[in-house]
Amino acid sequence: MRRALALARRGYTAPNPMVGAVLVKDGRIVGEGYHRRAGLPHAEVEALRRAGENARGATLYVTLEPCGHWGRTPPCADALIEAGVRCVYAAMQDPNPRVSGKGFAKLREAGVEVYEGILEGQARQLNEIFVKYHTTGMPFVTVKAAMSLDGKIATRTGDSKWITDEPARRLVHRLRARYDAIMVGIGTVLEDDPLLTVRLPGLKGIHRLRVVVDSRLRCPDGAQILNVEESPTLIATTDLAPTHRVQSLRERGVEVEVLPADADGHVDLDALMRSLAKRGVTGVLCEGGGTLIASLLARRLVDKVLFFYAPCLIGGHDAPTAVEGEGFARVGESLRLDRVHWRRVGRDMMVQGYPVWEEGSECSPAL
């Protein structure tokens, strides 16, 4: 199963889950595979192809329940039955309530032995985006920022290129490929003019939805993110935006969604997340800036925090930070992270953790 999990991590399958599969017969691996991208053959089919006739009587180790329904590809459960697989060990059941358990049931009805729950915790974390979406109906939201050791995401003049080195930036491109949508606030567009695309040679053809939170449609006409030939772009705005700007952007092929405004006249982020969920967006990677990240945290919409630290000090009262706003009044009220993990990425350090939203507690409205 550990080998199957390692294989699964190679895939860039959003909005589908990452899945790895290993076929074993007479104590040796006879076939293995993983789901590479949405629409391509599933992990089980890849493993069966490599095993050939050796699949008959073999045991399958797979990170997720084999599908028992038709989607873009035929049911994997049918393929396993037809190939004569004797036994299936699965890490976890499919969390999608429309299909959950159906693959296992089909296999058992055909006489295949089925066992589940092997390294389930690792499998659930591997597919945390897929699991959250199909159990809550809302996207999994990760906030990402690159900063100096003193927490600055840019200098006082707005210069931010480049705080982290090339290895960290390559990792961010791989992260983008694992989410359905990449989101920024209008401040980031005005300061950095980002492209927000996946630009690694091995990941060509992966185009994610770019989302800009822009309450009054201040996005400049020359912004790179408006080039929809690179990737689709959605601008989330409010009815405070000029009508002629809405029309102009739509004529350029940019999708503009007018959403309710919150008490401060900004885009209602809860409404935005519900809207993204309705269009099938399972995961959102928010790349800032500090105001948008603070707003998402204040509304308890963040599932994961991912910060990159560079070995440098920027300083300055006016230099922006990863989490802006007034912040919490007391240290004891601050948001704590659980399951914190860090690792080196080139000369930089990546820290990830999961916010602990205590029952009944609220974030400071000043955040």
Protein backbone atom coordinates (compact mmCIF):
# COMPACT_ATOMS: atom_id res chain seq x y z
CA MET A 1 0.00 0.00 0.00
CA ARG A 2 2.90 2.38 0.67
CA ARG A 3 4.04 1.80 -2.89
CA ALA A 4 0.52 2.53 -4.16
CA LEU A 5 0.43 5.79 -2.18
CA ALA A 6 3.81 6.82 -3.58
CA LEU A 7 2.57 6.16 -7.12
CA ALA A 8 -0.64 8.12 -6.50
CA ARG A 9 1.34 11.26 -5.58
CA ARG A 10 2.67 11.42 -9.15
CA GLY A 11 -0.73 12.29 -10.60
CA TYR A 12 -2.23 15.71 -11.35
CA THR A 13 -5.85 14.66 -11.47
CA ALA A 14 -8.04 17.55 -10.23
CA PRO A 15 -10.99 17.43 -9.87
CA ASN A 16 -10.54 13.66 -9.59
CA PRO A 17 -8.73 11.92 -6.71
CA MET A 18 -5.10 10.82 -6.87
CA VAL A 19 -5.01 7.01 -6.97
CA GLY A 20 -2.23 4.44 -7.10
CA ALA A 21 -2.54 0.67 -7.62
CA VAL A 22 -0.20 -2.30 -7.25
CA LEU A 23 -0.92 -5.89 -8.35
CA VAL A 24 0.89 -8.65 -6.47
CA LYS A 25 1.07 -12.35 -7.34
CA ASP A 26 3.15 -15.08 -5.75
CA GLY A 27 4.97 -12.52 -3.62
CA ARG A 28 6.06 -10.18 -6.41
CA ILE A 29 4.69 -7.09 -8.11
CA VAL A 30 3.32 -7.98 -11.53
CA GLY A 31 1.76 -4.63 -12.43
CA GLU A 32 1.35 -1.12 -11.09
CA GLY A 33 -0.05 2.22 -12.18
CA TYR A 34 -1.47 5.56 -11.14
CA HIS A 35 -4.11 7.99 -12.36
CA ARG A 36 -2.15 10.59 -14.32
CA ARG A 37 -4.76 13.20 -15.24
CA ALA A 38 -8.53 13.54 -15.36
CA GLY A 39 -9.92 11.71 -18.38
CA LEU A 40 -6.97 9.30 -18.68
CA PRO A 41 -7.13 5.62 -17.58
CA HIS A 42 -7.48 5.01 -13.87
CA ALA A 43 -4.74 3.49 -11.73
CA GLU A 44 -6.33 0.02 -11.68
CA VAL A 45 -6.53 -0.12 -15.48
CA GLU A 46 -2.89 0.96 -15.79
CA ALA A 47 -1.85 -1.81 -13.39
CA LEU A 48 -3.95 -4.42 -15.23
CA ARG A 49 -2.39 -3.47 -18.57
CA ARG A 50 1.10 -3.93 -17.19
CA ALA A 51 0.21 -7.23 -15.51
CA GLY A 52 -1.48 -8.80 -18.52
CA GLU A 53 -2.36 -12.45 -17.87
CA ASN A 54 -0.55 -12.27 -14.52
CA ALA A 55 -3.53 -10.32 -13.16
CA ARG A 56 -5.58 -13.52 -12.94
CA GLY A 57 -5.49 -14.68 -9.34
CA ALA A 58 -3.51 -11.60 -8.21
CA THR A 59 -4.10 -9.30 -5.24
CA LEU A 60 -4.64 -5.59 -5.78
CA TYR A 61 -3.52 -2.87 -3.39
CA VAL A 62 -5.23 0.41 -4.24
CA THR A 63 -5.46 3.76 -2.43
CA LEU A 64 -9.18 4.32 -3.10
CA GLU A 65 -12.24 2.16 -3.66
CA PRO A 66 -12.35 1.07 -7.33
CA CYS A 67 -15.13 2.90 -9.14
CA GLY A 68 -18.27 0.93 -9.91
CA HIS A 69 -19.88 3.45 -12.27
CA TRP A 70 -19.37 4.95 -15.71
CA GLY A 71 -17.73 8.37 -15.82
CA ARG A 72 -15.19 9.52 -18.41
CA THR A 73 -13.87 5.95 -18.24
CA PRO A 74 -15.52 2.51 -17.69
CA PRO A 75 -15.94 1.11 -14.15
CA CYS A 76 -12.66 -0.18 -12.72
CA ALA A 77 -14.53 -2.79 -10.67
CA ASP A 78 -15.74 -4.42 -13.90
CA ALA A 79 -12.19 -4.46 -15.30
CA LEU A 80 -10.85 -6.13 -12.14
CA ILE A 81 -13.57 -8.79 -12.21
CA GLU A 82 -13.00 -9.51 -15.89
CA ALA A 83 -9.24 -9.80 -15.34
CA GLY A 84 -9.77 -12.38 -12.60
CA VAL A 85 -8.27 -10.43 -9.69
CA ARG A 86 -8.75 -12.56 -6.56
CA CYS A 87 -8.49 -10.04 -3.71
CA VAL A 88 -8.57 -6.25 -3.27
CA TYR A 89 -7.04 -4.29 -0.39
CA ALA A 90 -8.21 -0.66 -0.47
CA ALA A 91 -6.97 2.16 1.73
CA MET A 92 -10.36 3.88 1.92
CA GLN A 93 -13.90 4.01 0.62
CA ASP A 94 -14.79 6.63 -1.98
CA PRO A 95 -16.21 9.66 -0.05
CA ASN A 96 -18.51 10.67 -2.92
CA PRO A 97 -21.96 9.69 -1.54
CA ARG A 98 -23.24 8.97 -5.06
CA VAL A 99 -20.70 6.21 -5.62
CA SER A 100 -19.45 5.31 -2.14
CA GLY A 101 -19.51 1.56 -1.51
CA LYS A 102 -20.81 0.63 -4.96
CA GLY A 103 -17.43 -0.51 -6.21
CA PHE A 104 -16.85 -2.68 -3.17
CA ALA A 105 -20.35 -4.15 -3.47
CA LYS A 106 -19.86 -5.03 -7.14
CA LEU A 107 -16.55 -6.74 -6.38
CA ARG A 108 -17.97 -8.76 -3.49
CA GLU A 109 -20.98 -9.83 -5.55
CA ALA A 110 -18.54 -11.26 -8.11
CA GLY A 111 -16.73 -13.25 -5.43
CA VAL A 112 -13.70 -10.96 -5.03
CA GLU A 113 -12.39 -10.66 -1.47
CA VAL A 114 -12.39 -7.01 -0.34
CA TYR A 115 -10.62 -5.45 2.64
CA GLU A 116 -10.50 -1.74 3.42
CA GLY A 117 -8.84 0.66 5.87
CA ILE A 118 -5.15 -0.09 5.11
CA LEU A 119 -3.17 3.15 5.79
CA GLU A 120 -6.46 5.02 5.58
CA GLY A 121 -5.14 8.13 7.35
CA GLN A 122 -2.41 8.61 4.75
CA ALA A 123 -4.85 7.99 1.92
CA ARG A 124 -7.33 10.55 3.27
CA GLN A 125 -4.62 13.20 3.61
CA LEU A 126 -3.39 12.45 0.11
CA ASN A 127 -6.86 13.24 -1.21
CA GLU A 128 -7.84 15.87 1.35
CA ILE A 129 -9.21 18.13 -1.41
CA PHE A 130 -11.42 15.41 -2.88
CA VAL A 131 -12.55 14.21 0.56
CA LYS A 132 -13.62 17.64 1.81
CA TYR A 133 -15.51 18.53 -1.35
CA HIS A 134 -17.49 15.29 -1.43
CA THR A 135 -18.26 15.25 2.30
CA THR A 136 -19.16 18.94 2.78
CA GLY A 137 -19.98 20.22 -0.71
CA MET A 138 -17.43 23.04 -0.31
CA PRO A 139 -13.95 23.50 -1.82
CA PHE A 140 -10.78 22.74 0.13
CA VAL A 141 -8.97 26.09 0.56
CA THR A 142 -5.20 26.41 0.97
CA VAL A 143 -3.58 29.79 1.54
CA LYS A 144 -0.02 30.06 0.26
CA ALA A 145 2.52 32.84 0.69
CA ALA A 146 6.26 33.37 0.17
CA MET A 147 7.98 35.63 2.68
CA SER A 148 11.17 36.62 4.42
CA LEU A 149 12.06 35.25 7.84
CA ASP A 150 10.49 38.35 9.39
CA GLY A 151 7.20 37.66 7.61
CA LYS A 152 7.33 40.23 4.80
CA ILE A 153 5.85 39.27 1.41
CA ALA A 154 7.30 42.37 -0.29
CA THR A 155 9.40 45.45 0.48
CA ARG A 156 7.88 48.81 1.45
CA THR A 157 8.02 49.75 -2.26
CA GLY A 158 6.05 46.65 -3.28
CA ASP A 159 9.00 44.74 -4.77
CA SER A 160 8.55 40.98 -4.28
CA LYS A 161 10.48 39.30 -7.12
CA TRP A 162 11.88 37.05 -6.06
CA ILE A 163 11.81 36.38 -2.33
CA THR A 164 12.12 32.59 -2.68
CA ASP A 165 14.45 30.70 -5.02
CA GLU A 166 13.71 28.67 -8.13
CA PRO A 167 13.13 25.29 -6.38
CA ALA A 168 10.32 26.78 -4.27
CA ARG A 169 8.78 28.47 -7.31
CA ARG A 170 8.82 25.17 -9.22
CA LEU A 171 7.05 23.50 -6.31
CA VAL A 172 4.35 26.20 -6.42
CA HIS A 173 3.70 25.38 -10.08
CA ARG A 174 3.21 21.72 -9.13
CA LEU A 175 0.85 22.82 -6.36
CA ARG A 176 -1.17 24.86 -8.84
CA ALA A 177 -1.61 21.76 -10.95
CA ARG A 178 -3.22 19.93 -8.01
CA TYR A 179 -6.00 22.49 -7.49
CA ASP A 180 -8.96 23.39 -9.71
CA ALA A 181 -8.63 27.12 -9.08
CA ILE A 182 -5.90 29.63 -8.21
CA MET A 183 -7.12 32.76 -6.44
CA VAL A 184 -5.69 36.20 -5.67
CA GLY A 185 -7.03 39.56 -4.57
CA ILE A 186 -7.02 42.64 -6.76
CA GLY A 187 -4.14 44.08 -4.72
CA THR A 188 -1.86 41.28 -5.92
CA VAL A 189 -2.90 41.90 -9.54
CA LEU A 190 -2.18 45.62 -9.23
CA GLU A 191 1.20 45.09 -7.52
CA ASP A 192 2.58 41.99 -9.25
CA ASP A 193 0.60 41.51 -12.49
CA PRO A 194 0.75 37.69 -12.09
CA LEU A 195 -0.02 35.18 -14.82
CA LEU A 196 -1.09 32.41 -12.38
CA THR A 197 -0.60 29.53 -14.81
CA VAL A 198 1.13 26.16 -14.58
CA ARG A 199 4.44 26.65 -16.38
CA LEU A 200 6.47 23.48 -16.00
CA PRO A 201 7.49 21.44 -19.09
CA GLY A 202 6.06 18.19 -17.75
CA LEU A 203 2.70 19.78 -16.93
CA LYS A 204 1.80 21.39 -20.22
CA GLY A 205 -1.87 21.26 -21.03
CA ILE A 206 -3.00 21.76 -17.43
CA HIS A 207 -5.13 24.91 -17.35
CA ARG A 208 -6.65 25.93 -14.04
CA LEU A 209 -9.36 28.49 -13.37
CA ARG A 210 -7.84 31.82 -12.26
CA VAL A 211 -10.01 33.72 -9.79
CA VAL A 212 -9.56 37.41 -8.96
CA VAL A 213 -11.47 38.92 -6.04
CA ASP A 214 -12.10 42.47 -7.27
CA SER A 215 -15.04 44.20 -5.57
CA ARG A 216 -15.04 47.28 -7.82
CA LEU A 217 -13.42 45.92 -11.03
CA ARG A 218 -10.16 47.82 -10.73
CA CYS A 219 -8.31 45.18 -12.78
CA PRO A 220 -6.31 47.03 -15.48
CA ASP A 221 -7.06 46.27 -19.14
CA GLY A 222 -3.45 45.25 -19.71
CA ALA A 223 -3.24 42.75 -16.83
CA GLN A 224 -1.77 39.40 -17.83
CA ILE A 225 -4.53 37.54 -16.03
CA LEU A 226 -7.05 38.85 -18.59
CA ASN A 227 -5.37 36.83 -21.33
CA VAL A 228 -7.86 33.96 -21.46
CA GLU A 229 -5.83 32.16 -24.11
CA GLU A 230 -3.46 31.15 -21.28
CA SER A 231 -6.15 29.90 -18.87
CA PRO A 232 -9.77 30.77 -18.07
CA THR A 233 -10.29 33.75 -15.78
CA LEU A 234 -13.15 34.50 -13.39
CA ILE A 235 -13.42 37.89 -11.71
CA ALA A 236 -15.61 37.93 -8.63
CA THR A 237 -17.07 41.38 -8.06
CA THR A 238 -20.09 43.17 -6.56
CA ASP A 239 -22.84 45.43 -7.83
CA LEU A 240 -20.58 48.35 -6.85
CA ALA A 241 -18.57 47.65 -10.01
CA PRO A 242 -19.28 49.87 -13.06
CA THR A 243 -21.67 48.15 -15.47
CA HIS A 244 -19.62 49.15 -18.50
CA ARG A 245 -16.54 47.43 -17.03
CA VAL A 246 -18.51 44.24 -16.51
CA GLN A 247 -19.62 44.28 -20.14
CA SER A 248 -16.16 45.17 -21.45
CA LEU A 249 -14.49 42.29 -19.65
CA ARG A 250 -17.13 39.81 -20.72
CA GLU A 251 -16.63 40.84 -24.35
CA ARG A 252 -12.95 39.89 -23.94
CA GLY A 253 -13.94 36.39 -22.83
CA VAL A 254 -13.38 37.01 -19.13
CA GLU A 255 -16.10 35.59 -16.89
CA VAL A 256 -17.41 38.17 -14.43
CA GLU A 257 -19.62 37.04 -11.57
CA VAL A 258 -21.48 39.66 -9.57
CA LEU A 259 -21.82 38.42 -5.99
CA PRO A 260 -23.31 39.91 -2.82
CA ALA A 261 -21.17 42.43 -0.94
CA ASP A 262 -20.36 42.06 2.75
CA ALA A 263 -20.81 44.81 5.32
CA ASP A 264 -17.60 46.51 4.16
CA GLY A 265 -18.59 46.48 0.49
CA HIS A 266 -16.22 43.65 -0.41
CA VAL A 267 -17.05 40.39 -2.18
CA ASP A 268 -18.83 38.00 0.18
CA LEU A 269 -16.25 35.21 0.30
CA ASP A 270 -18.72 32.64 1.63
CA ALA A 271 -20.92 33.31 -1.41
CA LEU A 272 -17.87 33.02 -3.67
CA MET A 273 -16.91 29.62 -2.24
CA ARG A 274 -20.47 28.34 -2.62
CA SER A 275 -20.48 29.55 -6.22
CA LEU A 276 -17.18 27.82 -6.97
CA ALA A 277 -18.47 24.62 -5.40
CA LYS A 278 -21.55 24.68 -7.62
CA ARG A 279 -19.36 24.77 -10.72
CA GLY A 280 -17.44 21.72 -9.45
CA VAL A 281 -14.33 23.41 -8.08
CA THR A 282 -13.01 21.01 -5.44
CA GLY A 283 -9.90 22.90 -4.34
CA VAL A 284 -8.74 26.53 -4.26
CA LEU A 285 -5.11 27.63 -3.90
CA CYS A 286 -5.12 31.21 -2.65
CA GLU A 287 -1.84 32.98 -3.41
CA GLY A 288 -2.67 36.19 -1.57
CA GLY A 289 -2.21 38.88 -0.83
CA GLY A 290 -2.29 39.54 2.85
CA THR A 291 -5.69 41.23 2.89
CA LEU A 292 -7.43 38.36 1.09
CA ILE A 293 -5.71 35.74 3.26
CA ALA A 294 -6.78 37.64 6.41
CA SER A 295 -10.36 37.83 5.14
CA LEU A 296 -10.49 34.09 4.40
CA LEU A 297 -9.12 33.32 7.85
CA ALA A 298 -11.59 35.67 9.50
CA ARG A 299 -14.45 33.79 7.84
CA ARG A 300 -12.97 30.40 8.80
CA LEU A 301 -12.78 29.34 5.16
CA VAL A 302 -9.17 28.14 5.28
CA ASP A 303 -8.38 24.42 5.50
CA LYS A 304 -4.60 24.55 5.12
CA VAL A 305 -1.79 27.09 5.52
CA LEU A 306 1.31 26.77 3.35
CA PHE A 307 4.07 29.33 3.92
CA PHE A 308 7.49 29.48 2.26
CA TYR A 309 10.25 31.26 4.20
CA ALA A 310 13.40 32.61 2.53
CA PRO A 311 16.61 33.12 4.53
CA CYS A 312 16.47 36.90 4.35
CA LEU A 313 15.21 39.88 6.38
CA ILE A 314 13.27 42.70 4.72
CA GLY A 315 11.97 44.77 7.63
CA GLY A 316 10.03 48.01 7.47
CA HIS A 317 6.84 49.27 9.09
CA ASP A 318 5.16 49.62 5.69
CA ALA A 319 6.28 46.30 4.19
CA PRO A 320 3.22 44.02 3.72
CA THR A 321 2.84 40.73 5.58
CA ALA A 322 1.15 37.45 4.70
CA VAL A 323 -1.78 38.15 7.03
CA GLU A 324 -2.83 41.80 7.10
CA GLY A 325 -5.68 43.54 8.95
CA GLU A 326 -5.58 44.50 12.64
CA GLY A 327 -5.05 40.94 13.79
CA PHE A 328 -5.92 39.46 17.15
CA ALA A 329 -5.83 41.57 20.30
CA ARG A 330 -4.26 38.85 22.48
CA VAL A 331 -1.82 36.04 21.80
CA GLY A 332 -4.15 33.64 23.56
CA GLU A 333 -6.83 34.36 20.96
CA SER A 334 -4.56 33.72 17.98
CA LEU A 335 -5.30 30.99 15.47
CA ARG A 336 -3.35 27.81 16.15
CA LEU A 337 -2.23 25.27 13.59
CA ASP A 338 -2.24 21.50 13.97
CA ARG A 339 -0.32 18.75 12.14
CA VAL A 340 2.49 21.19 11.42
CA HIS A 341 5.20 19.94 9.09
CA TRP A 342 8.23 21.65 7.57
CA ARG A 343 10.89 20.78 5.03
CA ARG A 344 13.70 22.36 3.08
CA VAL A 345 13.04 23.41 -0.51
CA GLY A 346 16.40 24.47 -1.92
CA ARG A 347 17.62 27.27 0.36
CA ASP A 348 14.08 28.02 1.53
CA MET A 349 11.83 26.38 4.11
CA MET A 350 8.23 25.30 3.57
CA VAL A 351 5.90 25.12 6.59
CA GLN A 352 2.41 23.68 6.37
CA GLY A 353 -0.30 23.26 8.96
CA TYR A 354 -4.05 23.00 9.44
CA PRO A 355 -6.03 25.68 11.33
CA VAL A 356 -7.70 24.52 14.53
CA TRP A 357 -11.17 26.04 14.49
CA GLU A 358 -12.30 25.60 18.06
CA GLU A 359 -16.01 24.95 18.50
CA GLY A 360 -17.82 28.11 19.54
CA SER A 361 -14.79 30.38 19.07
CA GLU A 362 -14.74 33.18 16.54
CA CYS A 363 -11.91 34.95 14.78
CA SER A 364 -11.43 38.58 15.64
CA PRO A 365 -13.69 40.62 13.36
CA ALA A 366 -10.81 43.09 13.09
CA LEU A 367 -8.67 40.52 11.29
